Amino acid sequence: MDWRENRIQSAKNGTNPMVLAEMKSGYAVIGDTQFLPGYCVLLPKKEVSSLNDLTISERSQFLTDMSLIGDAIIDVCHPVRVNYDILGNTDAFLHAHIFPRYDWEKEERRKMPVWLYDSSNWFDEEKHFSLERHGKLKEDLSNYLLAIYEK
């Protein structure tokens, strides 16, 4: 099975190459596309349809872990801000998108949701994650997140 067919299960069994760190509620992974360098996703350990399918304590941990990924992005990438998105409209399982936003983005773009960027950004091979182009970024994000759990 290709790891993309079930990203959560492949994170659990160690075959998802995008994993940055195992967190209390799930797995921090670097995004498939890096047109906004540092884009990450939080995948839950418990496969559910939405945030509301978790207990209150599980929700709290998931949202805390999401914000910790934001901390890592801020520390490593120095964006102007971080946007957090939980949608589930395309992939009908709980996952959170964590997007850095930069001052080099066109102002009208920066003020709008990331999803309004031209769709080519999601499919352009030049913007897809690669170890060659993004390996150091992945390593730095991973090191930040792993250090949180060593404290």
C-alpha atoms as a PDB file:
ATOM      1  CA  MET A   1       0.000   0.000   0.000  1.00  0.00           C
ATOM      2  CA  ASP A   2       1.227   3.485  -0.879  1.00  0.00           C
ATOM      3  CA  TRP A   3       1.527   5.649   2.251  1.00  0.00           C
ATOM      4  CA  ARG A   4      -0.726   8.306   0.637  1.00  0.00           C
ATOM      5  CA  GLU A   5      -3.690   5.894   0.609  1.00  0.00           C
ATOM      6  CA  ASN A   6      -3.960   6.116   4.403  1.00  0.00           C
ATOM      7  CA  ARG A   7      -1.765   8.859   5.790  1.00  0.00           C
ATOM      8  CA  ILE A   8      -2.751   8.226   9.406  1.00  0.00           C
ATOM      9  CA  GLN A   9      -2.095   4.473   9.295  1.00  0.00           C
ATOM     10  CA  SER A  10       1.185   5.004   7.447  1.00  0.00           C
ATOM     11  CA  ALA A  11       2.230   7.508  10.145  1.00  0.00           C
ATOM     12  CA  LYS A  12       1.356   4.937  12.819  1.00  0.00           C
ATOM     13  CA  ASN A  13       3.313   2.154  11.140  1.00  0.00           C
ATOM     14  CA  GLY A  14       6.322   4.326  10.283  1.00  0.00           C
ATOM     15  CA  THR A  15       5.979   4.363   6.497  1.00  0.00           C
ATOM     16  CA  ASN A  16       4.809   7.972   6.063  1.00  0.00           C
ATOM     17  CA  PRO A  17       7.964   9.868   5.015  1.00  0.00           C
ATOM     18  CA  MET A  18       6.363  13.236   5.773  1.00  0.00           C
ATOM     19  CA  VAL A  19       6.191  12.713   9.553  1.00  0.00           C
ATOM     20  CA  LEU A  20       8.018  15.358  11.555  1.00  0.00           C
ATOM     21  CA  ALA A  21       7.157  14.092  15.026  1.00  0.00           C
ATOM     22  CA  GLU A  22       4.708  11.982  16.957  1.00  0.00           C
ATOM     23  CA  MET A  23       2.711  14.226  19.247  1.00  0.00           C
ATOM     24  CA  LYS A  24       0.329  13.369  22.085  1.00  0.00           C
ATOM     25  CA  SER A  25      -2.776  13.589  19.868  1.00  0.00           C
ATOM     26  CA  GLY A  26      -1.344  12.685  16.490  1.00  0.00           C
ATOM     27  CA  TYR A  27       1.417  13.140  13.971  1.00  0.00           C
ATOM     28  CA  ALA A  28       2.907  16.385  12.723  1.00  0.00           C
ATOM     29  CA  VAL A  29       3.679  16.067   9.013  1.00  0.00           C
ATOM     30  CA  ILE A  30       5.190  18.472   6.542  1.00  0.00           C
ATOM     31  CA  GLY A  31       2.800  19.442   3.756  1.00  0.00           C
ATOM     32  CA  ASP A  32       2.932  17.855   0.316  1.00  0.00           C
ATOM     33  CA  THR A  33       3.312  21.301  -1.192  1.00  0.00           C
ATOM     34  CA  GLN A  34       5.653  23.975   0.084  1.00  0.00           C
ATOM     35  CA  PHE A  35       4.627  27.078  -1.868  1.00  0.00           C
ATOM     36  CA  LEU A  36       4.340  28.576   1.616  1.00  0.00           C
ATOM     37  CA  PRO A  37       7.498  27.124   3.194  1.00  0.00           C
ATOM     38  CA  GLY A  38       6.782  25.382   6.459  1.00  0.00           C
ATOM     39  CA  TYR A  39       3.195  24.345   5.688  1.00  0.00           C
ATOM     40  CA  CYS A  40       2.320  21.413   7.959  1.00  0.00           C
ATOM     41  CA  VAL A  41      -0.608  19.169   8.787  1.00  0.00           C
ATOM     42  CA  LEU A  42      -1.602  17.512  12.059  1.00  0.00           C
ATOM     43  CA  LEU A  43      -3.007  14.007  11.600  1.00  0.00           C
ATOM     44  CA  PRO A  44      -4.835  12.487  14.593  1.00  0.00           C
ATOM     45  CA  LYS A  45      -3.916   9.146  16.147  1.00  0.00           C
ATOM     46  CA  LYS A  46      -7.609   8.370  16.470  1.00  0.00           C
ATOM     47  CA  GLU A  47      -9.291   8.233  13.054  1.00  0.00           C
ATOM     48  CA  VAL A  48     -12.491  10.275  13.324  1.00  0.00           C
ATOM     49  CA  SER A  49     -14.577  12.399  10.974  1.00  0.00           C
ATOM     50  CA  SER A  50     -14.369  15.665  12.866  1.00  0.00           C
ATOM     51  CA  LEU A  51     -13.028  17.427  15.935  1.00  0.00           C
ATOM     52  CA  ASN A  52     -16.431  16.967  17.561  1.00  0.00           C
ATOM     53  CA  ASP A  53     -16.019  13.176  17.473  1.00  0.00           C
ATOM     54  CA  LEU A  54     -13.243  13.462  20.084  1.00  0.00           C
ATOM     55  CA  THR A  55     -13.756  13.762  23.819  1.00  0.00           C
ATOM     56  CA  ILE A  56     -13.247  17.216  25.333  1.00  0.00           C
ATOM     57  CA  SER A  57      -9.782  16.264  26.601  1.00  0.00           C
ATOM     58  CA  GLU A  58      -8.834  14.755  23.221  1.00  0.00           C
ATOM     59  CA  ARG A  59     -10.002  17.940  21.478  1.00  0.00           C
ATOM     60  CA  SER A  60      -7.980  20.068  23.854  1.00  0.00           C
ATOM     61  CA  GLN A  61      -4.854  18.015  23.193  1.00  0.00           C
ATOM     62  CA  PHE A  62      -5.386  18.083  19.410  1.00  0.00           C
ATOM     63  CA  LEU A  63      -5.782  21.870  19.401  1.00  0.00           C
ATOM     64  CA  THR A  64      -2.784  22.292  21.705  1.00  0.00           C
ATOM     65  CA  ASP A  65      -0.667  20.110  19.422  1.00  0.00           C
ATOM     66  CA  MET A  66      -1.864  22.123  16.433  1.00  0.00           C
ATOM     67  CA  SER A  67      -0.659  25.312  18.126  1.00  0.00           C
ATOM     68  CA  LEU A  68       2.691  23.700  18.994  1.00  0.00           C
ATOM     69  CA  ILE A  69       3.220  23.006  15.304  1.00  0.00           C
ATOM     70  CA  GLY A  70       2.500  26.706  14.778  1.00  0.00           C
ATOM     71  CA  ASP A  71       5.208  27.503  17.349  1.00  0.00           C
ATOM     72  CA  ALA A  72       7.663  25.354  15.399  1.00  0.00           C
ATOM     73  CA  ILE A  73       6.795  27.126  12.142  1.00  0.00           C
ATOM     74  CA  ILE A  74       7.210  30.545  13.803  1.00  0.00           C
ATOM     75  CA  ASP A  75      10.589  29.580  15.244  1.00  0.00           C
ATOM     76  CA  VAL A  76      11.967  27.994  12.074  1.00  0.00           C
ATOM     77  CA  CYS A  77      10.343  30.008   9.265  1.00  0.00           C
ATOM     78  CA  HIS A  78       9.687  33.460  10.802  1.00  0.00           C
ATOM     79  CA  PRO A  79       6.347  34.113   9.090  1.00  0.00           C
ATOM     80  CA  VAL A  80       4.248  37.220   9.698  1.00  0.00           C
ATOM     81  CA  ARG A  81       1.523  34.978  11.127  1.00  0.00           C
ATOM     82  CA  VAL A  82       0.245  31.425  11.143  1.00  0.00           C
ATOM     83  CA  ASN A  83      -3.200  30.369   9.905  1.00  0.00           C
ATOM     84  CA  TYR A  84      -4.948  27.262  11.274  1.00  0.00           C
ATOM     85  CA  ASP A  85      -7.582  25.418   9.273  1.00  0.00           C
ATOM     86  CA  ILE A  86      -9.712  22.349  10.046  1.00  0.00           C
ATOM     87  CA  LEU A  87     -11.974  21.622   7.109  1.00  0.00           C
ATOM     88  CA  GLY A  88     -12.532  17.968   6.173  1.00  0.00           C
ATOM     89  CA  ASN A  89     -14.395  18.843   2.993  1.00  0.00           C
ATOM     90  CA  THR A  90     -12.151  16.930   0.585  1.00  0.00           C
ATOM     91  CA  ASP A  91     -10.581  14.362   2.910  1.00  0.00           C
ATOM     92  CA  ALA A  92     -13.399  13.392   5.264  1.00  0.00           C
ATOM     93  CA  PHE A  93     -11.262  12.707   8.319  1.00  0.00           C
ATOM     94  CA  LEU A  94     -10.016  15.014  11.027  1.00  0.00           C
ATOM     95  CA  HIS A  95      -6.786  16.824  10.171  1.00  0.00           C
ATOM     96  CA  ALA A  96      -5.556  20.358  10.708  1.00  0.00           C
ATOM     97  CA  HIS A  97      -3.676  22.529   8.215  1.00  0.00           C
ATOM     98  CA  ILE A  98      -1.100  24.924   9.640  1.00  0.00           C
ATOM     99  CA  PHE A  99      -0.056  27.603   7.136  1.00  0.00           C
ATOM    100  CA  PRO A 100       2.691  30.183   7.580  1.00  0.00           C
ATOM    101  CA  ARG A 101       1.917  33.543   5.993  1.00  0.00           C
ATOM    102  CA  TYR A 102       4.730  35.778   4.770  1.00  0.00           C
ATOM    103  CA  ASP A 103       5.315  39.449   4.098  1.00  0.00           C
ATOM    104  CA  TRP A 104       6.584  38.541   0.614  1.00  0.00           C
ATOM    105  CA  GLU A 105       3.102  37.344  -0.369  1.00  0.00           C
ATOM    106  CA  LYS A 106       1.088  39.871  -2.347  1.00  0.00           C
ATOM    107  CA  GLU A 107      -0.943  41.863   0.173  1.00  0.00           C
ATOM    108  CA  GLU A 108      -4.297  40.937  -1.358  1.00  0.00           C
ATOM    109  CA  ARG A 109      -3.268  37.242  -1.194  1.00  0.00           C
ATOM    110  CA  ARG A 110      -1.977  37.443   2.372  1.00  0.00           C
ATOM    111  CA  LYS A 111      -5.341  38.786   3.564  1.00  0.00           C
ATOM    112  CA  MET A 112      -7.272  35.919   1.978  1.00  0.00           C
ATOM    113  CA  PRO A 113      -7.481  32.198   2.838  1.00  0.00           C
ATOM    114  CA  VAL A 114      -4.687  30.094   1.374  1.00  0.00           C
ATOM    115  CA  TRP A 115      -7.271  28.055  -0.529  1.00  0.00           C
ATOM    116  CA  LEU A 116      -7.866  31.053  -2.824  1.00  0.00           C
ATOM    117  CA  TYR A 117      -4.360  30.791  -4.256  1.00  0.00           C
ATOM    118  CA  ASP A 118      -4.268  29.488  -7.810  1.00  0.00           C
ATOM    119  CA  SER A 119      -4.788  25.707  -7.723  1.00  0.00           C
ATOM    120  CA  SER A 120      -1.547  25.201  -9.648  1.00  0.00           C
ATOM    121  CA  ASN A 121       0.284  25.788  -6.345  1.00  0.00           C
ATOM    122  CA  TRP A 122      -1.117  22.508  -5.054  1.00  0.00           C
ATOM    123  CA  PHE A 123      -0.051  20.478  -8.077  1.00  0.00           C
ATOM    124  CA  ASP A 124       3.111  22.171  -9.384  1.00  0.00           C
ATOM    125  CA  GLU A 125       5.972  19.669  -9.082  1.00  0.00           C
ATOM    126  CA  GLU A 126       8.401  22.530  -8.385  1.00  0.00           C
ATOM    127  CA  LYS A 127       6.418  23.375  -5.249  1.00  0.00           C
ATOM    128  CA  HIS A 128       6.002  19.799  -4.030  1.00  0.00           C
ATOM    129  CA  PHE A 129       7.990  18.717  -1.013  1.00  0.00           C
ATOM    130  CA  SER A 130      11.321  17.128  -1.835  1.00  0.00           C
ATOM    131  CA  LEU A 131      14.137  16.150   0.501  1.00  0.00           C
ATOM    132  CA  GLU A 132      16.585  17.917  -1.779  1.00  0.00           C
ATOM    133  CA  ARG A 133      14.779  21.267  -1.572  1.00  0.00           C
ATOM    134  CA  HIS A 134      13.098  20.998   1.820  1.00  0.00           C
ATOM    135  CA  GLY A 135      15.116  18.470   3.822  1.00  0.00           C
ATOM    136  CA  LYS A 136      16.715  21.079   6.096  1.00  0.00           C
ATOM    137  CA  LEU A 137      13.329  22.711   6.730  1.00  0.00           C
ATOM    138  CA  LYS A 138      11.827  19.324   7.629  1.00  0.00           C
ATOM    139  CA  GLU A 139      14.743  18.559   9.932  1.00  0.00           C
ATOM    140  CA  ASP A 140      14.505  21.920  11.719  1.00  0.00           C
ATOM    141  CA  LEU A 141      10.732  21.626  12.241  1.00  0.00           C
ATOM    142  CA  SER A 142      11.152  18.065  13.470  1.00  0.00           C
ATOM    143  CA  ASN A 143      13.930  19.016  15.893  1.00  0.00           C
ATOM    144  CA  TYR A 144      11.808  21.806  17.368  1.00  0.00           C
ATOM    145  CA  LEU A 145       8.834  19.509  17.912  1.00  0.00           C
ATOM    146  CA  LEU A 146      10.923  16.661  19.319  1.00  0.00           C
ATOM    147  CA  ALA A 147      12.570  19.081  21.771  1.00  0.00           C
ATOM    148  CA  ILE A 148       9.132  20.018  23.171  1.00  0.00           C
ATOM    149  CA  TYR A 149       8.601  16.436  24.317  1.00  0.00           C
ATOM    150  CA  GLU A 150      12.096  16.094  25.761  1.00  0.00           C
ATOM    151  CA  LYS A 151      11.438  18.890  28.280  1.00  0.00           C
END
